PDB file of N, CA and C in Angstrom:
ATOM      1  N   MET A   1       0.839  -1.172   0.000  1.00  0.00           N
ATOM      2  CA  MET A   1       0.000   0.000   0.000  1.00  0.00           C
ATOM      3  C   MET A   1       0.882   1.232   0.000  1.00  0.00           C
ATOM      4  N   GLN A   2       0.304   2.321  -0.440  1.00  0.00           N
ATOM      5  CA  GLN A   2       1.044   3.566  -0.515  1.00  0.00           C
ATOM      6  C   GLN A   2       0.234   4.694   0.093  1.00  0.00           C
ATOM      7  N   VAL A   3       0.961   5.708   0.541  1.00  0.00           N
ATOM      8  CA  VAL A   3       0.331   6.913   1.060  1.00  0.00           C
ATOM      9  C   VAL A   3       0.543   8.023   0.038  1.00  0.00           C
ATOM     10  N   ALA A   4      -0.522   8.700  -0.286  1.00  0.00           N
ATOM     11  CA  ALA A   4      -0.447   9.830  -1.202  1.00  0.00           C
ATOM     12  C   ALA A   4      -1.061  11.039  -0.517  1.00  0.00           C
ATOM     13  N   ALA A   5      -0.620  12.215  -0.889  1.00  0.00           N
ATOM     14  CA  ALA A   5      -1.197  13.451  -0.355  1.00  0.00           C
ATOM     15  C   ALA A   5      -1.862  14.196  -1.503  1.00  0.00           C
ATOM     16  N   PHE A   6      -2.936  14.894  -1.188  1.00  0.00           N
ATOM     17  CA  PHE A   6      -3.648  15.642  -2.219  1.00  0.00           C
ATOM     18  C   PHE A   6      -4.268  16.883  -1.620  1.00  0.00           C
ATOM     19  N   SER A   7      -4.547  17.838  -2.478  1.00  0.00           N
ATOM     20  CA  SER A   7      -5.298  19.033  -2.094  1.00  0.00           C
ATOM     21  C   SER A   7      -6.202  19.368  -3.273  1.00  0.00           C
ATOM     22  N   THR A   8      -7.189  20.186  -3.019  1.00  0.00           N
ATOM     23  CA  THR A   8      -8.117  20.577  -4.078  1.00  0.00           C
ATOM     24  C   THR A   8      -8.205  22.090  -4.118  1.00  0.00           C
ATOM     25  N   PRO A   9      -8.659  22.655  -5.211  1.00  0.00           N
ATOM     26  CA  PRO A   9      -8.804  24.111  -5.278  1.00  0.00           C
ATOM     27  C   PRO A   9      -9.756  24.649  -4.197  1.00  0.00           C
ATOM     28  N   GLU A  10     -10.780  23.867  -3.850  1.00  0.00           N
ATOM     29  CA  GLU A  10     -11.731  24.311  -2.833  1.00  0.00           C
ATOM     30  C   GLU A  10     -11.118  24.270  -1.434  1.00  0.00           C
ATOM     31  N   SER A  11     -10.184  23.340  -1.227  1.00  0.00           N
ATOM     32  CA  SER A  11      -9.531  23.178   0.071  1.00  0.00           C
ATOM     33  C   SER A  11      -8.031  23.022  -0.166  1.00  0.00           C
ATOM     34  N   PRO A  12      -7.283  24.125  -0.157  1.00  0.00           N
ATOM     35  CA  PRO A  12      -5.870  24.072  -0.526  1.00  0.00           C
ATOM     36  C   PRO A  12      -4.954  23.369   0.484  1.00  0.00           C
ATOM     37  N   ASP A  13      -5.448  23.065   1.687  1.00  0.00           N
ATOM     38  CA  ASP A  13      -4.626  22.322   2.635  1.00  0.00           C
ATOM     39  C   ASP A  13      -4.507  20.872   2.165  1.00  0.00           C
ATOM     40  N   TRP A  14      -3.494  20.178   2.664  1.00  0.00           N
ATOM     41  CA  TRP A  14      -3.204  18.810   2.247  1.00  0.00           C
ATOM     42  C   TRP A  14      -3.911  17.786   3.111  1.00  0.00           C
ATOM     43  N   ARG A  15      -4.276  16.653   2.508  1.00  0.00           N
ATOM     44  CA  ARG A  15      -4.818  15.501   3.220  1.00  0.00           C
ATOM     45  C   ARG A  15      -4.109  14.263   2.698  1.00  0.00           C
ATOM     46  N   TRP A  16      -4.095  13.189   3.490  1.00  0.00           N
ATOM     47  CA  TRP A  16      -3.462  11.956   3.028  1.00  0.00           C
ATOM     48  C   TRP A  16      -4.505  10.927   2.653  1.00  0.00           C
ATOM     49  N   ARG A  17      -4.075   9.990   1.812  1.00  0.00           N
ATOM     50  CA  ARG A  17      -4.917   8.896   1.367  1.00  0.00           C
ATOM     51  C   ARG A  17      -4.064   7.632   1.327  1.00  0.00           C
ATOM     52  N   ILE A  18      -4.582   6.533   1.857  1.00  0.00           N
ATOM     53  CA  ILE A  18      -3.912   5.241   1.771  1.00  0.00           C
ATOM     54  C   ILE A  18      -4.581   4.473   0.641  1.00  0.00           C
ATOM     55  N   ILE A  19      -3.749   4.031  -0.311  1.00  0.00           N
ATOM     56  CA  ILE A  19      -4.249   3.397  -1.524  1.00  0.00           C
ATOM     57  C   ILE A  19      -3.569   2.048  -1.696  1.00  0.00           C
ATOM     58  N   ASN A  20      -4.363   1.019  -2.034  1.00  0.00           N
ATOM     59  CA  ASN A  20      -3.745  -0.289  -2.277  1.00  0.00           C
ATOM     60  C   ASN A  20      -3.230  -0.339  -3.712  1.00  0.00           C
ATOM     61  N   TYR A  21      -2.552  -1.438  -4.051  1.00  0.00           N
ATOM     62  CA  TYR A  21      -1.927  -1.530  -5.367  1.00  0.00           C
ATOM     63  C   TYR A  21      -2.921  -1.753  -6.496  1.00  0.00           C
ATOM     64  N   ALA A  22      -4.183  -1.970  -6.182  1.00  0.00           N
ATOM     65  CA  ALA A  22      -5.220  -2.039  -7.206  1.00  0.00           C
ATOM     66  C   ALA A  22      -5.811  -0.662  -7.469  1.00  0.00           C
ATOM     67  N   GLY A  23      -5.343   0.343  -6.722  1.00  0.00           N
ATOM     68  CA  GLY A  23      -5.823   1.705  -6.912  1.00  0.00           C
ATOM     69  C   GLY A  23      -7.038   2.058  -6.084  1.00  0.00           C
ATOM     70  N   GLU A  24      -7.429   1.193  -5.163  1.00  0.00           N
ATOM     71  CA  GLU A  24      -8.606   1.456  -4.316  1.00  0.00           C
ATOM     72  C   GLU A  24      -8.200   2.284  -3.099  1.00  0.00           C
ATOM     73  N   ILE A  25      -9.045   3.230  -2.732  1.00  0.00           N
ATOM     74  CA  ILE A  25      -8.796   4.035  -1.540  1.00  0.00           C
ATOM     75  C   ILE A  25      -9.175   3.216  -0.318  1.00  0.00           C
ATOM     76  N   ILE A  26      -8.229   3.041   0.590  1.00  0.00           N
ATOM     77  CA  ILE A  26      -8.448   2.266   1.805  1.00  0.00           C
ATOM     78  C   ILE A  26      -8.885   3.179   2.944  1.00  0.00           C
ATOM     79  N   GLU A  27      -8.214   4.298   3.073  1.00  0.00           N
ATOM     80  CA  GLU A  27      -8.556   5.250   4.132  1.00  0.00           C
ATOM     81  C   GLU A  27      -8.101   6.640   3.706  1.00  0.00           C
ATOM     82  N   GLU A  28      -8.791   7.651   4.234  1.00  0.00           N
ATOM     83  CA  GLU A  28      -8.475   9.034   3.897  1.00  0.00           C
ATOM     84  C   GLU A  28      -8.573   9.876   5.161  1.00  0.00           C
ATOM     85  N   SER A  29      -7.686  10.842   5.296  1.00  0.00           N
ATOM     86  CA  SER A  29      -7.694  11.678   6.497  1.00  0.00           C
ATOM     87  C   SER A  29      -8.852  12.662   6.471  1.00  0.00           C
ATOM     88  N   ARG A  30      -9.345  12.949   7.638  1.00  0.00           N
ATOM     89  CA  ARG A  30     -10.341  14.016   7.782  1.00  0.00           C
ATOM     90  C   ARG A  30      -9.647  15.318   8.144  1.00  0.00           C
ATOM     91  N   GLU A  31      -8.480  15.174   8.756  1.00  0.00           N
ATOM     92  CA  GLU A  31      -7.683  16.344   9.125  1.00  0.00           C
ATOM     93  C   GLU A  31      -7.016  16.937   7.890  1.00  0.00           C
ATOM     94  N   THR A  32      -6.684  18.208   7.970  1.00  0.00           N
ATOM     95  CA  THR A  32      -5.908  18.847   6.911  1.00  0.00           C
ATOM     96  C   THR A  32      -4.558  19.250   7.484  1.00  0.00           C
ATOM     97  N   TYR A  33      -3.582  19.398   6.598  1.00  0.00           N
ATOM     98  CA  TYR A  33      -2.211  19.700   6.990  1.00  0.00           C
ATOM     99  C   TYR A  33      -1.700  20.864   6.153  1.00  0.00           C
ATOM    100  N   PRO A  34      -0.856  21.679   6.738  1.00  0.00           N
ATOM    101  CA  PRO A  34      -0.368  22.857   5.995  1.00  0.00           C
ATOM    102  C   PRO A  34       0.642  22.509   4.897  1.00  0.00           C
ATOM    103  N   THR A  35       1.324  21.346   5.028  1.00  0.00           N
ATOM    104  CA  THR A  35       2.330  20.970   4.029  1.00  0.00           C
ATOM    105  C   THR A  35       2.120  19.528   3.583  1.00  0.00           C
ATOM    106  N   ILE A  36       2.617  19.223   2.394  1.00  0.00           N
ATOM    107  CA  ILE A  36       2.538  17.866   1.874  1.00  0.00           C
ATOM    108  C   ILE A  36       3.370  16.919   2.735  1.00  0.00           C
ATOM    109  N   VAL A  37       4.483  17.413   3.244  1.00  0.00           N
ATOM    110  CA  VAL A  37       5.367  16.583   4.071  1.00  0.00           C
ATOM    111  C   VAL A  37       4.655  16.126   5.341  1.00  0.00           C
ATOM    112  N   SER A  38       3.959  17.023   6.001  1.00  0.00           N
ATOM    113  CA  SER A  38       3.269  16.656   7.239  1.00  0.00           C
ATOM    114  C   SER A  38       2.101  15.709   6.960  1.00  0.00           C
ATOM    115  N   ALA A  39       1.432  15.873   5.832  1.00  0.00           N
ATOM    116  CA  ALA A  39       0.319  14.979   5.479  1.00  0.00           C
ATOM    117  C   ALA A  39       0.822  13.564   5.222  1.00  0.00           C
ATOM    118  N   VAL A  40       1.881  13.436   4.433  1.00  0.00           N
ATOM    119  CA  VAL A  40       2.423  12.109   4.118  1.00  0.00           C
ATOM    120  C   VAL A  40       2.990  11.453   5.373  1.00  0.00           C
ATOM    121  N   ALA A  41       3.657  12.215   6.210  1.00  0.00           N
ATOM    122  CA  ALA A  41       4.220  11.657   7.447  1.00  0.00           C
ATOM    123  C   ALA A  41       3.122  11.094   8.343  1.00  0.00           C
ATOM    124  N   ASP A  42       2.029  11.828   8.499  1.00  0.00           N
ATOM    125  CA  ASP A  42       0.920  11.353   9.326  1.00  0.00           C
ATOM    126  C   ASP A  42       0.230  10.151   8.683  1.00  0.00           C
ATOM    127  N   GLY A  43       0.110  10.163   7.361  1.00  0.00           N
ATOM    128  CA  GLY A  43      -0.469   9.027   6.650  1.00  0.00           C
ATOM    129  C   GLY A  43       0.382   7.777   6.805  1.00  0.00           C
ATOM    130  N   ASN A  44       1.699   7.929   6.764  1.00  0.00           N
ATOM    131  CA  ASN A  44       2.587   6.786   6.972  1.00  0.00           C
ATOM    132  C   ASN A  44       2.455   6.225   8.379  1.00  0.00           C
ATOM    133  N   LYS A  45       2.294   7.100   9.369  1.00  0.00           N
ATOM    134  CA  LYS A  45       2.071   6.639  10.749  1.00  0.00           C
ATOM    135  C   LYS A  45       0.798   5.807  10.823  1.00  0.00           C
ATOM    136  N   ARG A  46      -0.257   6.271  10.169  1.00  0.00           N
ATOM    137  CA  ARG A  46      -1.531   5.547  10.179  1.00  0.00           C
ATOM    138  C   ARG A  46      -1.401   4.205   9.475  1.00  0.00           C
ATOM    139  N   LEU A  47      -0.665   4.163   8.371  1.00  0.00           N
ATOM    140  CA  LEU A  47      -0.468   2.918   7.644  1.00  0.00           C
ATOM    141  C   LEU A  47       0.244   1.888   8.521  1.00  0.00           C
ATOM    142  N   VAL A  48       1.237   2.317   9.276  1.00  0.00           N
ATOM    143  CA  VAL A  48       1.941   1.413  10.181  1.00  0.00           C
ATOM    144  C   VAL A  48       0.999   0.925  11.279  1.00  0.00           C
ATOM    145  N   GLN A  49       0.166   1.807  11.816  1.00  0.00           N
ATOM    146  CA  GLN A  49      -0.806   1.429  12.850  1.00  0.00           C
ATOM    147  C   GLN A  49      -1.793   0.387  12.324  1.00  0.00           C
ATOM    148  N   MET A  50      -2.193   0.526  11.072  1.00  0.00           N
ATOM    149  CA  MET A  50      -3.175  -0.392  10.488  1.00  0.00           C
ATOM    150  C   MET A  50      -2.620  -1.812  10.403  1.00  0.00           C
ATOM    151  N   ASN A  51      -1.337  -1.944  10.132  1.00  0.00           N
ATOM    152  CA  ASN A  51      -0.670  -3.241  10.086  1.00  0.00           C
ATOM    153  C   ASN A  51      -1.424  -4.238   9.203  1.00  0.00           C
ATOM    154  N   VAL A  52      -1.668  -3.853   7.951  1.00  0.00           N
ATOM    155  CA  VAL A  52      -2.405  -4.707   7.028  1.00  0.00           C
ATOM    156  C   VAL A  52      -1.504  -5.137   5.872  1.00  0.00           C
ATOM    157  N   VAL A  53      -1.874  -6.240   5.259  1.00  0.00           N
ATOM    158  CA  VAL A  53      -1.170  -6.752   4.094  1.00  0.00           C
ATOM    159  C   VAL A  53      -2.041  -6.491   2.871  1.00  0.00           C
ATOM    160  N   ASP A  54      -1.433  -5.976   1.832  1.00  0.00           N
ATOM    161  CA  ASP A  54      -2.169  -5.685   0.607  1.00  0.00           C
ATOM    162  C   ASP A  54      -2.236  -6.940  -0.253  1.00  0.00           C
ATOM    163  N   ASN A  55      -3.402  -7.565  -0.296  1.00  0.00           N
ATOM    164  CA  ASN A  55      -3.619  -8.750  -1.122  1.00  0.00           C
ATOM    165  C   ASN A  55      -4.433  -8.422  -2.367  1.00  0.00           C
ATOM    166  N   SER A  56      -4.521  -7.146  -2.687  1.00  0.00           N
ATOM    167  CA  SER A  56      -5.329  -6.745  -3.830  1.00  0.00           C
ATOM    168  C   SER A  56      -4.690  -7.223  -5.125  1.00  0.00           C
ATOM    169  N   VAL A  57      -5.529  -7.344  -6.128  1.00  0.00           N
ATOM    170  CA  VAL A  57      -5.077  -7.767  -7.444  1.00  0.00           C
ATOM    171  C   VAL A  57      -5.282  -6.597  -8.391  1.00  0.00           C
ATOM    172  N   VAL A  58      -4.234  -6.244  -9.073  1.00  0.00           N
ATOM    173  CA  VAL A  58      -4.320  -5.143 -10.022  1.00  0.00           C
ATOM    174  C   VAL A  58      -5.178  -5.574 -11.198  1.00  0.00           C
ATOM    175  N   ALA A  59      -6.177  -4.774 -11.486  1.00  0.00           N
ATOM    176  CA  ALA A  59      -7.060  -5.080 -12.616  1.00  0.00           C
ATOM    177  C   ALA A  59      -6.319  -4.787 -13.914  1.00  0.00           C
ATOM    178  N   ARG A  60      -6.221  -5.783 -14.764  1.00  0.00           N
ATOM    179  CA  ARG A  60      -5.558  -5.621 -16.057  1.00  0.00           C
ATOM    180  C   ARG A  60      -6.624  -5.309 -17.096  1.00  0.00           C
ATOM    181  N   VAL A  61      -6.681  -4.071 -17.464  1.00  0.00           N
ATOM    182  CA  VAL A  61      -7.663  -3.652 -18.451  1.00  0.00           C
ATOM    183  C   VAL A  61      -6.928  -3.422 -19.755  1.00  0.00           C
ATOM    184  N   THR A  62      -7.345  -4.120 -20.773  1.00  0.00           N
ATOM    185  CA  THR A  62      -6.746  -3.908 -22.084  1.00  0.00           C
ATOM    186  C   THR A  62      -7.726  -3.123 -22.930  1.00  0.00           C
ATOM    187  N   ARG A  63      -7.194  -2.175 -23.606  1.00  0.00           N
ATOM    188  CA  ARG A  63      -8.029  -1.337 -24.464  1.00  0.00           C
ATOM    189  C   ARG A  63      -7.544  -1.454 -25.890  1.00  0.00           C
ATOM    190  N   SER A  64      -8.457  -1.418 -26.778  1.00  0.00           N
ATOM    191  CA  SER A  64      -8.113  -1.487 -28.192  1.00  0.00           C
ATOM    192  C   SER A  64      -7.412  -0.205 -28.614  1.00  0.00           C
ATOM    193  N   THR A  65      -6.407  -0.362 -29.429  1.00  0.00           N
ATOM    194  CA  THR A  65      -5.719   0.810 -29.981  1.00  0.00           C
ATOM    195  C   THR A  65      -6.000   0.957 -31.474  1.00  0.00           C
ATOM    196  N   SER A  66      -7.046   0.278 -31.914  1.00  0.00           N
ATOM    197  CA  SER A  66      -7.354   0.324 -33.339  1.00  0.00           C
ATOM    198  C   SER A  66      -7.665   1.747 -33.805  1.00  0.00           C
ATOM    199  N   HIS A  67      -8.193   2.564 -32.942  1.00  0.00           N
ATOM    200  CA  HIS A  67      -8.498   3.947 -33.332  1.00  0.00           C
ATOM    201  C   HIS A  67      -7.236   4.769 -33.568  1.00  0.00           C
ATOM    202  N   LEU A  68      -6.088   4.264 -33.102  1.00  0.00           N
ATOM    203  CA  LEU A  68      -4.832   4.974 -33.307  1.00  0.00           C
ATOM    204  C   LEU A  68      -4.167   4.600 -34.624  1.00  0.00           C
ATOM    205  N   ARG A  69      -4.598   3.522 -35.203  1.00  0.00           N
ATOM    206  CA  ARG A  69      -4.024   3.058 -36.469  1.00  0.00           C
ATOM    207  C   ARG A  69      -4.771   3.663 -37.643  1.00  0.00           C
ATOM    208  N   ARG A  70      -4.020   4.043 -38.640  1.00  0.00           N
ATOM    209  CA  ARG A  70      -4.669   4.574 -39.858  1.00  0.00           C
ATOM    210  C   ARG A  70      -5.052   3.434 -40.775  1.00  0.00           C
ATOM    211  N   ARG A  71      -6.165   3.563 -41.403  1.00  0.00           N
ATOM    212  CA  ARG A  71      -6.625   2.516 -42.319  1.00  0.00           C
ATOM    213  C   ARG A  71      -6.278   2.836 -43.744  1.00  0.00           C
TER     214      ARG A  71
END
């Protein structure tokens, strides 16, 4: 699993998100942080507290590229 930090135009402060390797959001902070560093650090602390193993399976989606080829 990984910790990512994000902010939005509506809320410029940072929040953390724990995401598994399939891209699913596992947990998200309700608190906001003034810097990306503090958000990721707190998210990493939470990930360690959770003590979980990521058994997710990455979805393999194949898309046709026929529209990119000229006929």
